[in-house]
C-alpha atoms as a PDB file:
ATOM      1  CA  MET A   1      24.584  -1.909  15.310  1.00  0.00           C
ATOM      2  CA  LYS A   2      24.556  -0.578  11.764  1.00  0.00           C
ATOM      3  CA  ASN A   3      21.232  -2.327  11.039  1.00  0.00           C
ATOM      4  CA  ALA A   4      19.703  -1.096  14.289  1.00  0.00           C
ATOM      5  CA  LEU A   5      20.696   2.488  13.455  1.00  0.00           C
ATOM      6  CA  ALA A   6      19.108   2.192  10.033  1.00  0.00           C
ATOM      7  CA  LEU A   7      15.864   0.993  11.645  1.00  0.00           C
ATOM      8  CA  VAL A   8      15.808   4.019  13.964  1.00  0.00           C
ATOM      9  CA  ILE A   9      16.404   6.431  11.060  1.00  0.00           C
ATOM     10  CA  LEU A  10      13.628   4.923   8.973  1.00  0.00           C
ATOM     11  CA  MET A  11      11.127   4.917  11.841  1.00  0.00           C
ATOM     12  CA  THR A  12      11.820   8.537  12.828  1.00  0.00           C
ATOM     13  CA  PRO A  13       9.152  10.224  10.599  1.00  0.00           C
ATOM     14  CA  VAL A  14       6.468   8.214  12.573  1.00  0.00           C
ATOM     15  CA  TRP A  15       4.799   5.495  10.333  1.00  0.00           C
ATOM     16  CA  VAL A  16       3.039   5.333   6.696  1.00  0.00           C
ATOM     17  CA  ALA A  17       0.310   3.609   4.663  1.00  0.00           C
ATOM     18  CA  ASN A  18       0.879   1.605   1.576  1.00  0.00           C
ATOM     19  CA  ALA A  19      -1.268  -1.429   1.971  1.00  0.00           C
ATOM     20  CA  GLY A  20      -3.463  -2.069   5.004  1.00  0.00           C
ATOM     21  CA  VAL A  21      -5.309   1.245   4.711  1.00  0.00           C
ATOM     22  CA  ASP A  22      -8.815   1.596   6.166  1.00  0.00           C
ATOM     23  CA  PHE A  23     -10.448   3.603   3.354  1.00  0.00           C
ATOM     24  CA  ILE A  24     -13.635   1.525   3.069  1.00  0.00           C
ATOM     25  CA  LYS A  25     -16.374   3.631   4.640  1.00  0.00           C
ATOM     26  CA  ASP A  26     -19.976   3.038   5.648  1.00  0.00           C
ATOM     27  CA  ASP A  27     -21.469  -0.277   4.431  1.00  0.00           C
ATOM     28  CA  LYS A  28     -19.467  -0.615   1.206  1.00  0.00           C
ATOM     29  CA  SER A  29     -17.535  -3.838   0.578  1.00  0.00           C
ATOM     30  CA  PHE A  30     -15.247  -2.451  -2.150  1.00  0.00           C
ATOM     31  CA  ALA A  31     -13.263   0.784  -2.388  1.00  0.00           C
ATOM     32  CA  GLY A  32     -10.230   2.165  -4.156  1.00  0.00           C
ATOM     33  CA  GLU A  33      -7.799   5.052  -4.370  1.00  0.00           C
ATOM     34  CA  ALA A  34      -6.119   6.133  -7.614  1.00  0.00           C
ATOM     35  CA  GLU A  35      -3.132   8.516  -7.635  1.00  0.00           C
ATOM     36  CA  LEU A  36      -1.405  10.314 -10.476  1.00  0.00           C
ATOM     37  CA  GLY A  37       1.397  12.860 -10.569  1.00  0.00           C
ATOM     38  CA  ALA A  38       3.520  14.252 -13.406  1.00  0.00           C
ATOM     39  CA  THR A  39       6.187  16.924 -13.976  1.00  0.00           C
ATOM     40  CA  LEU A  40       7.333  18.029 -17.429  1.00  0.00           C
ATOM     41  CA  THR A  41       9.914  20.683 -18.385  1.00  0.00           C
ATOM     42  CA  THR A  42      11.105  21.715 -21.853  1.00  0.00           C
ATOM     43  CA  GLY A  43      13.568  24.242 -23.222  1.00  0.00           C
ATOM     44  CA  ASN A  44      17.103  24.383 -21.845  1.00  0.00           C
ATOM     45  CA  THR A  45      16.269  21.329 -19.746  1.00  0.00           C
ATOM     46  CA  ASP A  46      14.027  18.479 -20.880  1.00  0.00           C
ATOM     47  CA  THR A  47      12.731  16.360 -18.009  1.00  0.00           C
ATOM     48  CA  ALA A  48       9.739  14.153 -17.401  1.00  0.00           C
ATOM     49  CA  SER A  49       8.548  12.506 -14.201  1.00  0.00           C
ATOM     50  CA  TYR A  50       5.475  10.282 -13.741  1.00  0.00           C
ATOM     51  CA  LYS A  51       4.060   8.579 -10.659  1.00  0.00           C
ATOM     52  CA  GLY A  52       0.946   6.399 -10.624  1.00  0.00           C
ATOM     53  CA  ARG A  53      -0.665   4.239  -7.975  1.00  0.00           C
ATOM     54  CA  LEU A  54      -3.841   2.169  -7.645  1.00  0.00           C
ATOM     55  CA  ASN A  55      -4.898   0.827  -4.249  1.00  0.00           C
ATOM     56  CA  LEU A  56      -7.955  -1.476  -4.042  1.00  0.00           C
ATOM     57  CA  LYS A  57      -9.626  -3.132  -1.065  1.00  0.00           C
ATOM     58  CA  HIS A  58     -12.408  -5.732  -0.969  1.00  0.00           C
ATOM     59  CA  GLU A  59     -14.159  -6.989   2.172  1.00  0.00           C
ATOM     60  CA  LEU A  60     -15.938 -10.368   2.213  1.00  0.00           C
ATOM     61  CA  GLY A  61     -17.190 -11.262   5.678  1.00  0.00           C
ATOM     62  CA  HIS A  62     -14.142 -12.139   7.784  1.00  0.00           C
ATOM     63  CA  TRP A  63     -11.844 -11.720   4.775  1.00  0.00           C
ATOM     64  CA  GLU A  64     -10.174  -8.505   3.576  1.00  0.00           C
ATOM     65  CA  ASN A  65      -8.271  -8.488   0.281  1.00  0.00           C
ATOM     66  CA  GLN A  66      -6.056  -5.612  -0.820  1.00  0.00           C
ATOM     67  CA  TYR A  67      -4.291  -5.020  -4.138  1.00  0.00           C
ATOM     68  CA  LEU A  68      -1.630  -2.397  -4.788  1.00  0.00           C
ATOM     69  CA  PHE A  69      -0.069  -1.304  -8.104  1.00  0.00           C
ATOM     70  CA  GLU A  70       2.608   1.406  -8.387  1.00  0.00           C
ATOM     71  CA  GLY A  71       4.705   2.864 -11.174  1.00  0.00           C
ATOM     72  CA  LEU A  72       7.480   5.490 -11.191  1.00  0.00           C
ATOM     73  CA  TYR A  73       9.345   6.822 -14.230  1.00  0.00           C
ATOM     74  CA  ASN A  74      11.845   9.701 -14.512  1.00  0.00           C
ATOM     75  CA  GLU A  75      13.694  10.936 -17.591  1.00  0.00           C
ATOM     76  CA  ASP A  76      16.293  13.724 -17.773  1.00  0.00           C
ATOM     77  CA  THR A  77      17.504  15.025 -21.166  1.00  0.00           C
ATOM     78  CA  GLY A  78      16.712  11.743 -22.873  1.00  0.00           C
ATOM     79  CA  ALA A  79      18.295   9.547 -20.187  1.00  0.00           C
ATOM     80  CA  VAL A  80      16.131   7.405 -17.897  1.00  0.00           C
ATOM     81  CA  THR A  81      17.082   8.200 -14.285  1.00  0.00           C
ATOM     82  CA  ALA A  82      14.448   6.167 -12.411  1.00  0.00           C
ATOM     83  CA  LYS A  83      12.084   3.331 -13.266  1.00  0.00           C
ATOM     84  CA  ARG A  84      10.203   1.250 -10.734  1.00  0.00           C
ATOM     85  CA  TYR A  85       7.124  -0.979 -11.016  1.00  0.00           C
ATOM     86  CA  PHE A  86       5.413  -2.750  -8.128  1.00  0.00           C
ATOM     87  CA  ALA A  87       2.444  -5.129  -7.797  1.00  0.00           C
ATOM     88  CA  GLY A  88       1.314  -6.633  -4.506  1.00  0.00           C
ATOM     89  CA  ALA A  89      -1.628  -8.351  -2.838  1.00  0.00           C
ATOM     90  CA  GLN A  90      -2.507  -9.144   0.760  1.00  0.00           C
ATOM     91  CA  THR A  91      -5.355 -11.109   2.280  1.00  0.00           C
ATOM     92  CA  ASN A  92      -6.389 -10.859   5.931  1.00  0.00           C
ATOM     93  CA  TYR A  93      -8.637 -13.193   7.898  1.00  0.00           C
ATOM     94  CA  ASN A  94     -10.180 -11.335  10.848  1.00  0.00           C
ATOM     95  CA  MET A  95     -10.346 -13.554  13.935  1.00  0.00           C
ATOM     96  CA  THR A  96     -11.611 -10.768  16.217  1.00  0.00           C
ATOM     97  CA  ASP A  97     -12.205  -7.024  15.918  1.00  0.00           C
ATOM     98  CA  ARG A  98      -8.482  -6.472  16.567  1.00  0.00           C
ATOM     99  CA  SER A  99      -6.558  -9.620  15.570  1.00  0.00           C
ATOM    100  CA  TYR A 100      -6.111 -11.215  12.152  1.00  0.00           C
ATOM    101  CA  LEU A 101      -4.000 -13.607  10.118  1.00  0.00           C
ATOM    102  CA  PHE A 102      -2.396 -12.325   6.922  1.00  0.00           C
ATOM    103  CA  ALA A 103      -0.634 -13.574   3.793  1.00  0.00           C
ATOM    104  CA  ASN A 104       0.891 -11.416   1.071  1.00  0.00           C
ATOM    105  CA  ALA A 105       2.938 -11.557  -2.122  1.00  0.00           C
ATOM    106  CA  ASN A 106       4.826  -8.775  -3.957  1.00  0.00           C
ATOM    107  CA  TYR A 107       6.620  -8.373  -7.274  1.00  0.00           C
ATOM    108  CA  GLU A 108       8.920  -5.397  -7.969  1.00  0.00           C
ATOM    109  CA  VAL A 109      11.061  -4.298 -10.908  1.00  0.00           C
ATOM    110  CA  ASP A 110      13.735  -1.640 -10.246  1.00  0.00           C
ATOM    111  CA  PRO A 111      16.726  -1.941 -12.621  1.00  0.00           C
ATOM    112  CA  PHE A 112      18.599   0.853 -10.849  1.00  0.00           C
ATOM    113  CA  THR A 113      19.197  -1.411  -7.837  1.00  0.00           C
ATOM    114  CA  GLY A 114      21.073  -3.966  -9.967  1.00  0.00           C
ATOM    115  CA  TYR A 115      18.263  -6.532  -9.767  1.00  0.00           C
ATOM    116  CA  ASP A 116      16.069  -7.593 -12.672  1.00  0.00           C
ATOM    117  CA  TYR A 117      13.192  -8.239 -10.270  1.00  0.00           C
ATOM    118  CA  THR A 118      12.346  -9.011  -6.654  1.00  0.00           C
ATOM    119  CA  LEU A 119       9.761 -11.521  -5.396  1.00  0.00           C
ATOM    120  CA  PHE A 120       8.541 -11.541  -1.799  1.00  0.00           C
ATOM    121  CA  GLY A 121       5.946 -13.430   0.212  1.00  0.00           C
ATOM    122  CA  ALA A 122       5.059 -13.546   3.900  1.00  0.00           C
ATOM    123  CA  ALA A 123       2.392 -14.833   6.284  1.00  0.00           C
ATOM    124  CA  GLY A 124       1.740 -14.232   9.947  1.00  0.00           C
ATOM    125  CA  TYR A 125      -0.278 -12.500  12.644  1.00  0.00           C
ATOM    126  CA  GLY A 126      -1.570  -8.938  12.840  1.00  0.00           C
ATOM    127  CA  TYR A 127      -3.032  -6.972  15.727  1.00  0.00           C
ATOM    128  CA  ARG A 128      -4.642  -3.540  16.034  1.00  0.00           C
ATOM    129  CA  LEU A 129      -2.906  -2.008  19.042  1.00  0.00           C
ATOM    130  CA  TYR A 130      -5.022   1.140  19.046  1.00  0.00           C
ATOM    131  CA  ASP A 131      -8.382   1.914  17.466  1.00  0.00           C
ATOM    132  CA  SER A 132     -10.613   4.969  17.706  1.00  0.00           C
ATOM    133  CA  SER A 133     -13.006   6.771  15.384  1.00  0.00           C
ATOM    134  CA  LYS A 134     -10.131   8.758  13.840  1.00  0.00           C
ATOM    135  CA  THR A 135      -6.918   6.843  14.577  1.00  0.00           C
ATOM    136  CA  PHE A 136      -5.563   3.297  14.348  1.00  0.00           C
ATOM    137  CA  LEU A 137      -2.231   1.547  14.840  1.00  0.00           C
ATOM    138  CA  ASP A 138      -1.612  -1.945  13.432  1.00  0.00           C
ATOM    139  CA  VAL A 139       1.377  -4.267  13.763  1.00  0.00           C
ATOM    140  CA  GLU A 140       2.142  -7.425  11.764  1.00  0.00           C
ATOM    141  CA  VAL A 141       4.819 -10.081  12.284  1.00  0.00           C
ATOM    142  CA  GLY A 142       5.626 -13.365  10.596  1.00  0.00           C
ATOM    143  CA  PRO A 143       8.102 -15.316   8.479  1.00  0.00           C
ATOM    144  CA  GLY A 144       8.716 -14.444   4.837  1.00  0.00           C
ATOM    145  CA  TYR A 145      10.757 -15.384   1.798  1.00  0.00           C
ATOM    146  CA  LEU A 146      12.738 -12.970  -0.408  1.00  0.00           C
ATOM    147  CA  TYR A 147      14.096 -13.769  -3.880  1.00  0.00           C
ATOM    148  CA  GLN A 148      16.086 -11.292  -5.994  1.00  0.00           C
ATOM    149  CA  ALA A 149      17.339 -11.958  -9.540  1.00  0.00           C
ATOM    150  CA  LEU A 150      20.483 -10.009 -10.470  1.00  0.00           C
ATOM    151  CA  ASP A 151      20.793  -8.322 -13.853  1.00  0.00           C
ATOM    152  CA  SER A 152      23.430  -9.616 -16.283  1.00  0.00           C
ATOM    153  CA  GLU A 153      26.033  -6.976 -15.352  1.00  0.00           C
ATOM    154  CA  GLN A 154      25.783  -7.593 -11.610  1.00  0.00           C
ATOM    155  CA  ALA A 155      25.647 -11.375 -12.104  1.00  0.00           C
ATOM    156  CA  LEU A 156      28.989 -11.182 -13.926  1.00  0.00           C
ATOM    157  CA  LEU A 157      30.520  -8.997 -11.204  1.00  0.00           C
ATOM    158  CA  GLN A 158      29.187 -11.020  -8.263  1.00  0.00           C
ATOM    159  CA  GLY A 159      29.675 -14.506  -9.721  1.00  0.00           C
ATOM    160  CA  TYR A 160      26.079 -15.582  -8.986  1.00  0.00           C
ATOM    161  CA  ASP A 161      22.712 -14.703 -10.524  1.00  0.00           C
ATOM    162  CA  SER A 162      20.286 -14.527  -7.575  1.00  0.00           C
ATOM    163  CA  ASN A 163      19.852 -13.963  -3.834  1.00  0.00           C
ATOM    164  CA  ASP A 164      17.245 -15.694  -1.700  1.00  0.00           C
ATOM    165  CA  SER A 165      16.616 -15.665   2.020  1.00  0.00           C
ATOM    166  CA  VAL A 166      14.099 -16.609   4.686  1.00  0.00           C
ATOM    167  CA  VAL A 167      13.319 -13.393   6.570  1.00  0.00           C
ATOM    168  CA  ALA A 168      11.573 -12.074   9.659  1.00  0.00           C
ATOM    169  CA  HIS A 169       8.824  -9.761   8.379  1.00  0.00           C
ATOM    170  CA  GLY A 170       7.442  -6.879  10.432  1.00  0.00           C
ATOM    171  CA  VAL A 171       5.026  -4.022   9.701  1.00  0.00           C
ATOM    172  CA  ILE A 172       3.895  -0.978  11.682  1.00  0.00           C
ATOM    173  CA  ASN A 173       0.963   0.901  10.159  1.00  0.00           C
ATOM    174  CA  PHE A 174      -0.454   4.139  11.582  1.00  0.00           C
ATOM    175  CA  GLU A 175      -3.215   6.445  10.365  1.00  0.00           C
ATOM    176  CA  THR A 176      -4.952   9.416  11.933  1.00  0.00           C
ATOM    177  CA  GLU A 177      -7.443  12.054  10.767  1.00  0.00           C
ATOM    178  CA  ILE A 178      -6.049  15.521  11.425  1.00  0.00           C
ATOM    179  CA  THR A 179      -9.290  17.251  10.406  1.00  0.00           C
ATOM    180  CA  ASP A 180     -12.474  16.162   8.665  1.00  0.00           C
ATOM    181  CA  THR A 181     -10.725  16.740   5.317  1.00  0.00           C
ATOM    182  CA  SER A 182      -7.115  15.696   5.989  1.00  0.00           C
ATOM    183  CA  LYS A 183      -5.242  12.673   7.318  1.00  0.00           C
ATOM    184  CA  PHE A 184      -1.718  11.579   8.165  1.00  0.00           C
ATOM    185  CA  GLN A 185      -0.444   8.076   7.350  1.00  0.00           C
ATOM    186  CA  GLN A 186       2.784   6.296   8.254  1.00  0.00           C
ATOM    187  CA  ARG A 187       3.903   2.784   7.351  1.00  0.00           C
ATOM    188  CA  PHE A 188       7.155   1.022   8.175  1.00  0.00           C
ATOM    189  CA  VAL A 189       8.097  -2.396   6.772  1.00  0.00           C
ATOM    190  CA  ALA A 190      11.235  -4.378   7.647  1.00  0.00           C
ATOM    191  CA  ASP A 191      12.463  -7.753   6.366  1.00  0.00           C
ATOM    192  CA  TYR A 192      15.521  -9.161   8.103  1.00  0.00           C
ATOM    193  CA  GLY A 193      17.321 -12.288   6.897  1.00  0.00           C
ATOM    194  CA  ASP A 194      20.767 -12.396   5.348  1.00  0.00           C
ATOM    195  CA  LYS A 195      20.465  -8.604   5.206  1.00  0.00           C
ATOM    196  CA  LEU A 196      18.013  -5.880   6.205  1.00  0.00           C
ATOM    197  CA  ASP A 197      15.531  -4.514   3.659  1.00  0.00           C
ATOM    198  CA  ALA A 198      13.266  -1.773   4.971  1.00  0.00           C
ATOM    199  CA  ARG A 199      10.805   0.804   3.674  1.00  0.00           C
ATOM    200  CA  SER A 200       9.261   3.834   5.337  1.00  0.00           C
ATOM    201  CA  GLU A 201       6.483   5.883   3.758  1.00  0.00           C
ATOM    202  CA  THR A 202       5.074   9.054   5.292  1.00  0.00           C
ATOM    203  CA  SER A 203       2.129  10.842   3.703  1.00  0.00           C
ATOM    204  CA  LEU A 204      -0.278  13.702   4.247  1.00  0.00           C
ATOM    205  CA  THR A 205      -3.569  13.818   2.331  1.00  0.00           C
ATOM    206  CA  ALA A 206      -5.924  16.800   2.117  1.00  0.00           C
ATOM    207  CA  ASN A 207      -9.269  16.860   0.313  1.00  0.00           C
ATOM    208  CA  ILE A 208      -9.682  19.453  -2.441  1.00  0.00           C
ATOM    209  CA  ILE A 209     -13.292  18.846  -3.423  1.00  0.00           C
ATOM    210  CA  GLY A 210     -15.537  15.793  -3.134  1.00  0.00           C
ATOM    211  CA  ALA A 211     -13.521  12.604  -3.731  1.00  0.00           C
ATOM    212  CA  LEU A 212     -10.498  14.502  -5.103  1.00  0.00           C
ATOM    213  CA  ALA A 213      -7.531  15.131  -2.796  1.00  0.00           C
ATOM    214  CA  MET A 214      -3.904  16.237  -2.861  1.00  0.00           C
ATOM    215  CA  LYS A 215      -1.319  13.846  -1.397  1.00  0.00           C
ATOM    216  CA  PHE A 216       2.253  14.571  -0.321  1.00  0.00           C
ATOM    217  CA  ALA A 217       4.464  11.550   0.414  1.00  0.00           C
ATOM    218  CA  ILE A 218       8.069  10.814   1.358  1.00  0.00           C
ATOM    219  CA  ILE A 219       9.316   7.258   0.776  1.00  0.00           C
ATOM    220  CA  VAL A 220      12.630   5.892   2.091  1.00  0.00           C
ATOM    221  CA  ARG A 221      14.008   2.488   1.028  1.00  0.00           C
ATOM    222  CA  TYR A 222      16.996   0.898   2.741  1.00  0.00           C
ATOM    223  CA  ASP A 223      19.182  -2.091   1.795  1.00  0.00           C
ATOM    224  CA  SER A 224      21.906  -2.912   4.328  1.00  0.00           C
ATOM    225  CA  GLU A 225      23.994  -4.746   1.704  1.00  0.00           C
ATOM    226  CA  PRO A 226      23.553  -3.068  -1.701  1.00  0.00           C
ATOM    227  CA  LEU A 227      25.275  -4.435  -4.786  1.00  0.00           C
ATOM    228  CA  ASP A 228      28.525  -2.902  -6.071  1.00  0.00           C
ATOM    229  CA  ASP A 229      28.304   0.820  -6.925  1.00  0.00           C
ATOM    230  CA  LYS A 230      24.763   1.016  -5.489  1.00  0.00           C
ATOM    231  CA  LYS A 231      23.676   3.122  -2.503  1.00  0.00           C
ATOM    232  CA  SER A 232      22.036   1.745   0.639  1.00  0.00           C
ATOM    233  CA  THR A 233      19.299   4.366   0.801  1.00  0.00           C
ATOM    234  CA  ASP A 234      16.845   5.628  -1.833  1.00  0.00           C
ATOM    235  CA  THR A 235      14.426   8.472  -1.153  1.00  0.00           C
ATOM    236  CA  GLU A 236      11.389   9.561  -3.149  1.00  0.00           C
ATOM    237  CA  THR A 237       9.241  12.671  -2.656  1.00  0.00           C
ATOM    238  CA  ASN A 238       5.870  12.849  -4.428  1.00  0.00           C
ATOM    239  CA  MET A 239       3.025  15.302  -4.837  1.00  0.00           C
ATOM    240  CA  THR A 240       0.039  13.578  -6.466  1.00  0.00           C
ATOM    241  CA  LEU A 241      -3.673  13.965  -7.061  1.00  0.00           C
ATOM    242  CA  LEU A 242      -5.725  11.237  -5.379  1.00  0.00           C
ATOM    243  CA  TYR A 243      -9.224  10.131  -6.350  1.00  0.00           C
ATOM    244  CA  ALA A 244     -11.191   7.912  -3.969  1.00  0.00           C
ATOM    245  CA  PHE A 245     -14.014   5.674  -5.215  1.00  0.00           C
END
């Protein structure tokens, strides 16, 4: 019941885009989106916050390959309060206009969760439930494998140095154009094995001029069984500049 409630909470905003975004337009076979955001304060309070993201997509006939790189760093009065790095890749083989097979692999470093790093891989079937000129809705399901290496402090507390689990992997990906210059994206990812790991990302993007846009995003991460002294839910709110190429 607890896990089901968490799923409902995470899905409430509607659904985001992280990977699996249709930003290749016209007859191009390669496209990308680069994001950057930063906040700096000095004086009575010294803080620094940086967010970067690079999303690339390459189409080769029936194949679609996507690569995602993210980085987040926060510092408050000389103390690091957040640090997260992510690299992931997914390949899709399109069987029809709506159905495809997928395989992906991710690597994440987030020392504030108590893990040195997390490795994840999955493969399965995807289907476009709805498709129009301005809106699409994709779903993906399949088996996956999750491996998490504990840091030295948590390994000493827990009495083991890693977690691994076969999981059921599911994705819901939604995107719609609100106007000719703005779009809404929602992505929800859930991996259920020995525990539930889920991520929801909601974003709104509005063009400023040409290929330059402003993006507002809210990201929620959920771990049903966090390590000692760690919280189940992490939230992240970003305002970034986005350049499409």
